[in-house]
Amino acid sequence: MALFRLQISLPDRPGSLGALASAIGFAGGDIRGLVVMKSEDGRGFDDITVAIPGNDPTDLLNILRDIGGVEVLNVISVE
């Protein structure tokens, strides 16, 4: 499994983080770390470390981008 650190912006409302976590699981990912960075102007900003099968996060990123209001701001490979 490959590790990636995702910097995410999402709506700051109940259920948003849960939907994000469910989508990561649906894509076969495993959350290894989560840091809530800040909440600003109705948006939450989080750093999430995710382990995924294989080495290409494209499928995961596409699933996350399909969630309403979620923006993937940055993807960093963690080795």
C-alpha atoms as a PDB file:
ATOM      1  CA  MET A   1       0.000   0.000   0.000  1.00  0.00           C
ATOM      2  CA  ALA A   2       1.150   3.519  -0.775  1.00  0.00           C
ATOM      3  CA  LEU A   3       0.777   6.459   1.609  1.00  0.00           C
ATOM      4  CA  PHE A   4      -0.436   9.869   0.508  1.00  0.00           C
ATOM      5  CA  ARG A   5      -1.048  13.055   2.442  1.00  0.00           C
ATOM      6  CA  LEU A   6      -4.095  14.863   1.132  1.00  0.00           C
ATOM      7  CA  GLN A   7      -4.830  18.492   1.881  1.00  0.00           C
ATOM      8  CA  ILE A   8      -8.582  18.839   1.670  1.00  0.00           C
ATOM      9  CA  SER A   9     -11.112  21.654   1.840  1.00  0.00           C
ATOM     10  CA  LEU A  10     -14.711  20.700   2.537  1.00  0.00           C
ATOM     11  CA  PRO A  11     -17.941  22.322   3.736  1.00  0.00           C
ATOM     12  CA  ASP A  12     -17.824  22.962   7.481  1.00  0.00           C
ATOM     13  CA  ARG A  13     -21.093  21.255   8.372  1.00  0.00           C
ATOM     14  CA  PRO A  14     -22.146  18.073  10.164  1.00  0.00           C
ATOM     15  CA  GLY A  15     -21.562  14.943   8.111  1.00  0.00           C
ATOM     16  CA  SER A  16     -19.004  16.348   5.657  1.00  0.00           C
ATOM     17  CA  LEU A  17     -16.013  14.639   7.241  1.00  0.00           C
ATOM     18  CA  GLY A  18     -17.995  11.408   7.625  1.00  0.00           C
ATOM     19  CA  ALA A  19     -18.879  11.425   3.916  1.00  0.00           C
ATOM     20  CA  LEU A  20     -15.225  11.991   3.079  1.00  0.00           C
ATOM     21  CA  ALA A  21     -14.113   9.102   5.317  1.00  0.00           C
ATOM     22  CA  SER A  22     -16.742   6.800   3.798  1.00  0.00           C
ATOM     23  CA  ALA A  23     -15.578   7.680   0.286  1.00  0.00           C
ATOM     24  CA  ILE A  24     -11.976   6.900   1.215  1.00  0.00           C
ATOM     25  CA  GLY A  25     -13.083   3.497   2.505  1.00  0.00           C
ATOM     26  CA  PHE A  26     -15.173   2.893  -0.618  1.00  0.00           C
ATOM     27  CA  ALA A  27     -12.045   3.483  -2.714  1.00  0.00           C
ATOM     28  CA  GLY A  28     -10.156   0.863  -0.678  1.00  0.00           C
ATOM     29  CA  GLY A  29      -8.224   3.445   1.318  1.00  0.00           C
ATOM     30  CA  ASP A  30      -7.336   3.369   4.994  1.00  0.00           C
ATOM     31  CA  ILE A  31      -7.061   6.611   6.962  1.00  0.00           C
ATOM     32  CA  ARG A  32      -3.772   6.580   8.869  1.00  0.00           C
ATOM     33  CA  GLY A  33      -3.857  10.142  10.171  1.00  0.00           C
ATOM     34  CA  LEU A  34      -6.160  13.132  10.301  1.00  0.00           C
ATOM     35  CA  VAL A  35      -5.438  16.684  11.377  1.00  0.00           C
ATOM     36  CA  VAL A  36      -8.140  19.326  11.341  1.00  0.00           C
ATOM     37  CA  MET A  37      -6.179  22.425  10.395  1.00  0.00           C
ATOM     38  CA  LYS A  38      -8.753  25.208  10.550  1.00  0.00           C
ATOM     39  CA  SER A  39     -12.280  26.321   9.855  1.00  0.00           C
ATOM     40  CA  GLU A  40     -12.737  29.514   7.894  1.00  0.00           C
ATOM     41  CA  ASP A  41     -15.602  31.107   5.968  1.00  0.00           C
ATOM     42  CA  GLY A  42     -17.779  27.997   6.179  1.00  0.00           C
ATOM     43  CA  ARG A  43     -14.980  25.663   5.001  1.00  0.00           C
ATOM     44  CA  GLY A  44     -12.949  23.113   6.903  1.00  0.00           C
ATOM     45  CA  PHE A  45      -9.324  22.449   6.007  1.00  0.00           C
ATOM     46  CA  ASP A  46      -7.871  19.042   6.863  1.00  0.00           C
ATOM     47  CA  ASP A  47      -4.684  17.053   6.297  1.00  0.00           C
ATOM     48  CA  ILE A  48      -5.443  13.372   5.859  1.00  0.00           C
ATOM     49  CA  THR A  49      -2.855  10.615   5.497  1.00  0.00           C
ATOM     50  CA  VAL A  50      -4.309   7.724   3.520  1.00  0.00           C
ATOM     51  CA  ALA A  51      -2.946   4.283   2.591  1.00  0.00           C
ATOM     52  CA  ILE A  52      -4.255   3.019  -0.743  1.00  0.00           C
ATOM     53  CA  PRO A  53      -3.716  -0.164  -2.743  1.00  0.00           C
ATOM     54  CA  GLY A  54      -1.138   0.311  -5.502  1.00  0.00           C
ATOM     55  CA  ASN A  55       0.807   3.491  -6.156  1.00  0.00           C
ATOM     56  CA  ASP A  56      -1.632   5.671  -8.108  1.00  0.00           C
ATOM     57  CA  PRO A  57      -4.109   7.854  -6.179  1.00  0.00           C
ATOM     58  CA  THR A  58      -6.110   8.838  -9.288  1.00  0.00           C
ATOM     59  CA  ASP A  59      -9.160   6.652  -8.514  1.00  0.00           C
ATOM     60  CA  LEU A  60      -9.314   7.933  -4.928  1.00  0.00           C
ATOM     61  CA  LEU A  61      -8.987  11.543  -6.052  1.00  0.00           C
ATOM     62  CA  ASN A  62     -11.772  11.141  -8.604  1.00  0.00           C
ATOM     63  CA  ILE A  63     -14.101   9.680  -5.963  1.00  0.00           C
ATOM     64  CA  LEU A  64     -13.316  12.501  -3.530  1.00  0.00           C
ATOM     65  CA  ARG A  65     -13.864  15.172  -6.170  1.00  0.00           C
ATOM     66  CA  ASP A  66     -17.319  13.721  -6.869  1.00  0.00           C
ATOM     67  CA  ILE A  67     -18.415  14.585  -3.312  1.00  0.00           C
ATOM     68  CA  GLY A  68     -20.220  17.901  -3.363  1.00  0.00           C
ATOM     69  CA  GLY A  69     -18.097  20.736  -2.048  1.00  0.00           C
ATOM     70  CA  VAL A  70     -14.910  18.728  -1.503  1.00  0.00           C
ATOM     71  CA  GLU A  71     -11.714  20.157  -2.984  1.00  0.00           C
ATOM     72  CA  VAL A  72      -8.419  18.283  -3.039  1.00  0.00           C
ATOM     73  CA  LEU A  73      -5.907  21.097  -2.633  1.00  0.00           C
ATOM     74  CA  ASN A  74      -2.701  19.071  -2.651  1.00  0.00           C
ATOM     75  CA  VAL A  75      -1.489  15.469  -2.828  1.00  0.00           C
ATOM     76  CA  ILE A  76       1.891  14.494  -1.398  1.00  0.00           C
ATOM     77  CA  SER A  77       3.417  11.014  -1.622  1.00  0.00           C
ATOM     78  CA  VAL A  78       4.667   9.899   1.801  1.00  0.00           C
ATOM     79  CA  GLU A  79       7.481   7.363   1.717  1.00  0.00           C
END
